[in-house]
Amino acid sequence: MNMQNINEQADEYKSDLKQESEILLACQREKNIDSCFICDKTFECEKRKKYVESVYESMSQGQGGGFEF
């Protein structure tokens, strides 16, 4: 993989993380809360799961194994 592809992939992970972060923050604003842990759907929430996955992917740049939460 060349450097340009690596940079493009890193940009994609950053973009995904930003998008998932915005979705999560919008949900928190809608529910008038400042943390997912206040919400009664914390562990079933698909928005939160996608956000956590995007954080992990951003940190590992797609090189890590599975991630359980």
PDB file of N, CA and C in Angstrom:
ATOM      1  N   MET A   1       0.857  -1.183   0.000  1.00  0.00           N
ATOM      2  CA  MET A   1       0.000   0.000   0.000  1.00  0.00           C
ATOM      3  C   MET A   1       0.896   1.235   0.000  1.00  0.00           C
ATOM      4  N   ASN A   2       0.620   2.151  -0.906  1.00  0.00           N
ATOM      5  CA  ASN A   2       1.473   3.338  -0.973  1.00  0.00           C
ATOM      6  C   ASN A   2       0.992   4.415   0.005  1.00  0.00           C
ATOM      7  N   MET A   3       1.800   5.431   0.169  1.00  0.00           N
ATOM      8  CA  MET A   3       1.529   6.481   1.150  1.00  0.00           C
ATOM      9  C   MET A   3       0.225   7.221   0.871  1.00  0.00           C
ATOM     10  N   GLN A   4      -0.084   7.451  -0.395  1.00  0.00           N
ATOM     11  CA  GLN A   4      -1.322   8.144  -0.741  1.00  0.00           C
ATOM     12  C   GLN A   4      -2.538   7.332  -0.295  1.00  0.00           C
ATOM     13  N   ASN A   5      -2.499   6.022  -0.523  1.00  0.00           N
ATOM     14  CA  ASN A   5      -3.602   5.158  -0.097  1.00  0.00           C
ATOM     15  C   ASN A   5      -3.745   5.144   1.416  1.00  0.00           C
ATOM     16  N   ILE A   6      -2.617   5.133   2.126  1.00  0.00           N
ATOM     17  CA  ILE A   6      -2.643   5.156   3.586  1.00  0.00           C
ATOM     18  C   ILE A   6      -3.278   6.449   4.074  1.00  0.00           C
ATOM     19  N   ASN A   7      -2.898   7.573   3.490  1.00  0.00           N
ATOM     20  CA  ASN A   7      -3.463   8.864   3.884  1.00  0.00           C
ATOM     21  C   ASN A   7      -4.950   8.942   3.575  1.00  0.00           C
ATOM     22  N   GLU A   8      -5.348   8.423   2.422  1.00  0.00           N
ATOM     23  CA  GLU A   8      -6.766   8.424   2.058  1.00  0.00           C
ATOM     24  C   GLU A   8      -7.570   7.567   3.024  1.00  0.00           C
ATOM     25  N   GLN A   9      -7.011   6.426   3.404  1.00  0.00           N
ATOM     26  CA  GLN A   9      -7.691   5.547   4.340  1.00  0.00           C
ATOM     27  C   GLN A   9      -7.813   6.216   5.712  1.00  0.00           C
ATOM     28  N   ALA A  10      -6.753   6.879   6.162  1.00  0.00           N
ATOM     29  CA  ALA A  10      -6.783   7.589   7.443  1.00  0.00           C
ATOM     30  C   ALA A  10      -7.829   8.695   7.401  1.00  0.00           C
ATOM     31  N   ASP A  11      -7.913   9.414   6.283  1.00  0.00           N
ATOM     32  CA  ASP A  11      -8.916  10.464   6.134  1.00  0.00           C
ATOM     33  C   ASP A  11     -10.326   9.884   6.188  1.00  0.00           C
ATOM     34  N   GLU A  12     -10.500   8.706   5.619  1.00  0.00           N
ATOM     35  CA  GLU A  12     -11.807   8.041   5.640  1.00  0.00           C
ATOM     36  C   GLU A  12     -12.205   7.691   7.073  1.00  0.00           C
ATOM     37  N   TYR A  13     -11.266   7.172   7.846  1.00  0.00           N
ATOM     38  CA  TYR A  13     -11.558   6.844   9.243  1.00  0.00           C
ATOM     39  C   TYR A  13     -11.901   8.103  10.036  1.00  0.00           C
ATOM     40  N   LYS A  14     -11.166   9.182   9.802  1.00  0.00           N
ATOM     41  CA  LYS A  14     -11.454  10.445  10.483  1.00  0.00           C
ATOM     42  C   LYS A  14     -12.831  10.973  10.099  1.00  0.00           C
ATOM     43  N   SER A  15     -13.166  10.880   8.840  1.00  0.00           N
ATOM     44  CA  SER A  15     -14.458  11.339   8.350  1.00  0.00           C
ATOM     45  C   SER A  15     -15.594  10.523   8.967  1.00  0.00           C
ATOM     46  N   ASP A  16     -15.420   9.208   9.004  1.00  0.00           N
ATOM     47  CA  ASP A  16     -16.433   8.335   9.607  1.00  0.00           C
ATOM     48  C   ASP A  16     -16.609   8.660  11.085  1.00  0.00           C
ATOM     49  N   LEU A  17     -15.494   8.865  11.779  1.00  0.00           N
ATOM     50  CA  LEU A  17     -15.550   9.192  13.200  1.00  0.00           C
ATOM     51  C   LEU A  17     -16.287  10.509  13.419  1.00  0.00           C
ATOM     52  N   LYS A  18     -15.986  11.505  12.609  1.00  0.00           N
ATOM     53  CA  LYS A  18     -16.658  12.795  12.737  1.00  0.00           C
ATOM     54  C   LYS A  18     -18.159  12.651  12.503  1.00  0.00           C
ATOM     55  N   GLN A  19     -18.528  11.905  11.484  1.00  0.00           N
ATOM     56  CA  GLN A  19     -19.943  11.711  11.171  1.00  0.00           C
ATOM     57  C   GLN A  19     -20.663  10.985  12.308  1.00  0.00           C
ATOM     58  N   GLU A  20     -20.078   9.916  12.808  1.00  0.00           N
ATOM     59  CA  GLU A  20     -20.715   9.164  13.895  1.00  0.00           C
ATOM     60  C   GLU A  20     -20.773   9.995  15.169  1.00  0.00           C
ATOM     61  N   SER A  21     -19.764  10.811  15.399  1.00  0.00           N
ATOM     62  CA  SER A  21     -19.752  11.693  16.560  1.00  0.00           C
ATOM     63  C   SER A  21     -20.893  12.709  16.476  1.00  0.00           C
ATOM     64  N   GLU A  22     -21.080  13.278  15.301  1.00  0.00           N
ATOM     65  CA  GLU A  22     -22.165  14.252  15.107  1.00  0.00           C
ATOM     66  C   GLU A  22     -23.529  13.610  15.313  1.00  0.00           C
ATOM     67  N   ILE A  23     -23.703  12.381  14.841  1.00  0.00           N
ATOM     68  CA  ILE A  23     -24.967  11.663  15.022  1.00  0.00           C
ATOM     69  C   ILE A  23     -25.220  11.420  16.506  1.00  0.00           C
ATOM     70  N   LEU A  24     -24.188  10.983  17.221  1.00  0.00           N
ATOM     71  CA  LEU A  24     -24.325  10.709  18.648  1.00  0.00           C
ATOM     72  C   LEU A  24     -24.631  11.984  19.431  1.00  0.00           C
ATOM     73  N   LEU A  25     -23.919  13.050  19.129  1.00  0.00           N
ATOM     74  CA  LEU A  25     -24.158  14.313  19.828  1.00  0.00           C
ATOM     75  C   LEU A  25     -25.556  14.867  19.535  1.00  0.00           C
ATOM     76  N   ALA A  26     -26.033  14.695  18.322  1.00  0.00           N
ATOM     77  CA  ALA A  26     -27.391  15.133  17.982  1.00  0.00           C
ATOM     78  C   ALA A  26     -28.416  14.357  18.794  1.00  0.00           C
ATOM     79  N   CYS A  27     -28.189  13.071  18.958  1.00  0.00           N
ATOM     80  CA  CYS A  27     -29.084  12.243  19.759  1.00  0.00           C
ATOM     81  C   CYS A  27     -29.088  12.713  21.214  1.00  0.00           C
ATOM     82  N   GLN A  28     -27.909  13.003  21.746  1.00  0.00           N
ATOM     83  CA  GLN A  28     -27.821  13.492  23.122  1.00  0.00           C
ATOM     84  C   GLN A  28     -28.551  14.821  23.275  1.00  0.00           C
ATOM     85  N   ARG A  29     -28.377  15.723  22.299  1.00  0.00           N
ATOM     86  CA  ARG A  29     -29.086  17.016  22.358  1.00  0.00           C
ATOM     87  C   ARG A  29     -30.601  16.804  22.309  1.00  0.00           C
ATOM     88  N   GLU A  30     -31.027  15.897  21.447  1.00  0.00           N
ATOM     89  CA  GLU A  30     -32.454  15.601  21.301  1.00  0.00           C
ATOM     90  C   GLU A  30     -33.052  15.097  22.615  1.00  0.00           C
ATOM     91  N   LYS A  31     -32.265  14.317  23.356  1.00  0.00           N
ATOM     92  CA  LYS A  31     -32.736  13.759  24.624  1.00  0.00           C
ATOM     93  C   LYS A  31     -32.397  14.662  25.813  1.00  0.00           C
ATOM     94  N   ASN A  32     -31.729  15.791  25.506  1.00  0.00           N
ATOM     95  CA  ASN A  32     -31.339  16.758  26.530  1.00  0.00           C
ATOM     96  C   ASN A  32     -30.448  16.117  27.604  1.00  0.00           C
ATOM     97  N   ILE A  33     -29.460  15.344  27.143  1.00  0.00           N
ATOM     98  CA  ILE A  33     -28.492  14.718  28.038  1.00  0.00           C
ATOM     99  C   ILE A  33     -27.088  15.026  27.521  1.00  0.00           C
ATOM    100  N   ASP A  34     -26.108  14.882  28.396  1.00  0.00           N
ATOM    101  CA  ASP A  34     -24.730  15.152  27.967  1.00  0.00           C
ATOM    102  C   ASP A  34     -23.845  13.918  28.025  1.00  0.00           C
ATOM    103  N   SER A  35     -24.456  12.751  28.236  1.00  0.00           N
ATOM    104  CA  SER A  35     -23.705  11.502  28.268  1.00  0.00           C
ATOM    105  C   SER A  35     -24.643  10.348  27.922  1.00  0.00           C
ATOM    106  N   CYS A  36     -24.131   9.402  27.163  1.00  0.00           N
ATOM    107  CA  CYS A  36     -24.930   8.221  26.829  1.00  0.00           C
ATOM    108  C   CYS A  36     -25.237   7.387  28.064  1.00  0.00           C
ATOM    109  N   PHE A  37     -24.397   7.468  29.078  1.00  0.00           N
ATOM    110  CA  PHE A  37     -24.601   6.649  30.271  1.00  0.00           C
ATOM    111  C   PHE A  37     -25.828   7.073  31.072  1.00  0.00           C
ATOM    112  N   ILE A  38     -26.359   8.227  30.801  1.00  0.00           N
ATOM    113  CA  ILE A  38     -27.591   8.683  31.444  1.00  0.00           C
ATOM    114  C   ILE A  38     -28.806   8.043  30.771  1.00  0.00           C
ATOM    115  N   CYS A  39     -28.662   7.705  29.514  1.00  0.00           N
ATOM    116  CA  CYS A  39     -29.758   7.156  28.713  1.00  0.00           C
ATOM    117  C   CYS A  39     -30.058   5.710  29.118  1.00  0.00           C
ATOM    118  N   ASP A  40     -31.341   5.355  29.123  1.00  0.00           N
ATOM    119  CA  ASP A  40     -31.720   3.995  29.501  1.00  0.00           C
ATOM    120  C   ASP A  40     -31.441   2.977  28.395  1.00  0.00           C
ATOM    121  N   LYS A  41     -31.054   3.431  27.202  1.00  0.00           N
ATOM    122  CA  LYS A  41     -30.751   2.531  26.095  1.00  0.00           C
ATOM    123  C   LYS A  41     -29.242   2.449  25.814  1.00  0.00           C
ATOM    124  N   THR A  42     -28.435   2.816  26.780  1.00  0.00           N
ATOM    125  CA  THR A  42     -26.985   2.898  26.598  1.00  0.00           C
ATOM    126  C   THR A  42     -26.394   1.682  25.897  1.00  0.00           C
ATOM    127  N   PHE A  43     -26.725   0.493  26.362  1.00  0.00           N
ATOM    128  CA  PHE A  43     -26.055  -0.700  25.847  1.00  0.00           C
ATOM    129  C   PHE A  43     -26.768  -1.336  24.658  1.00  0.00           C
ATOM    130  N   GLU A  44     -27.965  -0.871  24.329  1.00  0.00           N
ATOM    131  CA  GLU A  44     -28.669  -1.377  23.149  1.00  0.00           C
ATOM    132  C   GLU A  44     -28.621  -0.388  21.988  1.00  0.00           C
ATOM    133  N   CYS A  45     -28.101   0.777  22.211  1.00  0.00           N
ATOM    134  CA  CYS A  45     -28.154   1.872  21.244  1.00  0.00           C
ATOM    135  C   CYS A  45     -27.254   1.628  20.028  1.00  0.00           C
ATOM    136  N   GLU A  46     -27.863   1.572  18.858  1.00  0.00           N
ATOM    137  CA  GLU A  46     -27.100   1.367  17.628  1.00  0.00           C
ATOM    138  C   GLU A  46     -26.223   2.579  17.294  1.00  0.00           C
ATOM    139  N   LYS A  47     -26.712   3.778  17.599  1.00  0.00           N
ATOM    140  CA  LYS A  47     -25.909   4.977  17.337  1.00  0.00           C
ATOM    141  C   LYS A  47     -24.629   4.951  18.163  1.00  0.00           C
ATOM    142  N   ARG A  48     -24.747   4.575  19.418  1.00  0.00           N
ATOM    143  CA  ARG A  48     -23.576   4.500  20.290  1.00  0.00           C
ATOM    144  C   ARG A  48     -22.635   3.391  19.819  1.00  0.00           C
ATOM    145  N   LYS A  49     -23.189   2.245  19.448  1.00  0.00           N
ATOM    146  CA  LYS A  49     -22.356   1.138  18.967  1.00  0.00           C
ATOM    147  C   LYS A  49     -21.576   1.548  17.725  1.00  0.00           C
ATOM    148  N   LYS A  50     -22.232   2.232  16.794  1.00  0.00           N
ATOM    149  CA  LYS A  50     -21.540   2.679  15.582  1.00  0.00           C
ATOM    150  C   LYS A  50     -20.454   3.689  15.925  1.00  0.00           C
ATOM    151  N   TYR A  51     -20.733   4.571  16.890  1.00  0.00           N
ATOM    152  CA  TYR A  51     -19.734   5.547  17.310  1.00  0.00           C
ATOM    153  C   TYR A  51     -18.517   4.845  17.918  1.00  0.00           C
ATOM    154  N   VAL A  52     -18.756   3.913  18.821  1.00  0.00           N
ATOM    155  CA  VAL A  52     -17.651   3.194  19.465  1.00  0.00           C
ATOM    156  C   VAL A  52     -16.840   2.437  18.415  1.00  0.00           C
ATOM    157  N   GLU A  53     -17.515   1.805  17.467  1.00  0.00           N
ATOM    158  CA  GLU A  53     -16.814   1.102  16.391  1.00  0.00           C
ATOM    159  C   GLU A  53     -15.969   2.067  15.562  1.00  0.00           C
ATOM    160  N   SER A  54     -16.508   3.250  15.287  1.00  0.00           N
ATOM    161  CA  SER A  54     -15.753   4.217  14.487  1.00  0.00           C
ATOM    162  C   SER A  54     -14.539   4.748  15.263  1.00  0.00           C
ATOM    163  N   VAL A  55     -14.665   4.887  16.575  1.00  0.00           N
ATOM    164  CA  VAL A  55     -13.511   5.286  17.400  1.00  0.00           C
ATOM    165  C   VAL A  55     -12.434   4.215  17.320  1.00  0.00           C
ATOM    166  N   TYR A  56     -12.833   2.974  17.492  1.00  0.00           N
ATOM    167  CA  TYR A  56     -11.887   1.872  17.431  1.00  0.00           C
ATOM    168  C   TYR A  56     -11.211   1.802  16.062  1.00  0.00           C
ATOM    169  N   GLU A  57     -12.005   1.900  15.006  1.00  0.00           N
ATOM    170  CA  GLU A  57     -11.444   1.855  13.654  1.00  0.00           C
ATOM    171  C   GLU A  57     -10.486   3.012  13.405  1.00  0.00           C
ATOM    172  N   SER A  58     -10.829   4.186  13.909  1.00  0.00           N
ATOM    173  CA  SER A  58      -9.971   5.353  13.752  1.00  0.00           C
ATOM    174  C   SER A  58      -8.641   5.148  14.483  1.00  0.00           C
ATOM    175  N   MET A  59      -8.703   4.566  15.672  1.00  0.00           N
ATOM    176  CA  MET A  59      -7.491   4.335  16.453  1.00  0.00           C
ATOM    177  C   MET A  59      -6.626   3.248  15.833  1.00  0.00           C
ATOM    178  N   SER A  60      -7.248   2.197  15.333  1.00  0.00           N
ATOM    179  CA  SER A  60      -6.483   1.061  14.817  1.00  0.00           C
ATOM    180  C   SER A  60      -6.214   1.170  13.321  1.00  0.00           C
ATOM    181  N   GLN A  61      -6.858   2.148  12.659  1.00  0.00           N
ATOM    182  CA  GLN A  61      -6.718   2.334  11.217  1.00  0.00           C
ATOM    183  C   GLN A  61      -7.032   1.043  10.461  1.00  0.00           C
ATOM    184  N   GLY A  62      -7.991   0.271  11.008  1.00  0.00           N
ATOM    185  CA  GLY A  62      -8.420  -0.949  10.347  1.00  0.00           C
ATOM    186  C   GLY A  62      -7.478  -2.122  10.506  1.00  0.00           C
ATOM    187  N   GLN A  63      -6.441  -1.981  11.328  1.00  0.00           N
ATOM    188  CA  GLN A  63      -5.439  -3.038  11.470  1.00  0.00           C
ATOM    189  C   GLN A  63      -5.698  -3.957  12.657  1.00  0.00           C
ATOM    190  N   GLY A  64      -6.665  -3.625  13.486  1.00  0.00           N
ATOM    191  CA  GLY A  64      -6.903  -4.414  14.689  1.00  0.00           C
ATOM    192  C   GLY A  64      -7.804  -5.592  14.439  1.00  0.00           C
ATOM    193  N   GLY A  65      -7.932  -6.416  15.456  1.00  0.00           N
ATOM    194  CA  GLY A  65      -8.823  -7.560  15.411  1.00  0.00           C
ATOM    195  C   GLY A  65     -10.222  -7.149  15.819  1.00  0.00           C
ATOM    196  N   GLY A  66     -10.964  -8.073  16.334  1.00  0.00           N
ATOM    197  CA  GLY A  66     -12.334  -7.794  16.752  1.00  0.00           C
ATOM    198  C   GLY A  66     -12.383  -6.906  17.972  1.00  0.00           C
ATOM    199  N   PHE A  67     -13.533  -6.365  18.227  1.00  0.00           N
ATOM    200  CA  PHE A  67     -13.717  -5.473  19.357  1.00  0.00           C
ATOM    201  C   PHE A  67     -15.065  -5.763  19.986  1.00  0.00           C
ATOM    202  N   GLU A  68     -15.062  -6.160  21.228  1.00  0.00           N
ATOM    203  CA  GLU A  68     -16.297  -6.458  21.943  1.00  0.00           C
ATOM    204  C   GLU A  68     -16.607  -5.332  22.915  1.00  0.00           C
ATOM    205  N   PHE A  69     -17.885  -4.950  22.978  1.00  0.00           N
ATOM    206  CA  PHE A  69     -18.301  -3.963  23.971  1.00  0.00           C
ATOM    207  C   PHE A  69     -19.695  -4.242  24.414  1.00  0.00           C
TER     208      PHE A  69
END
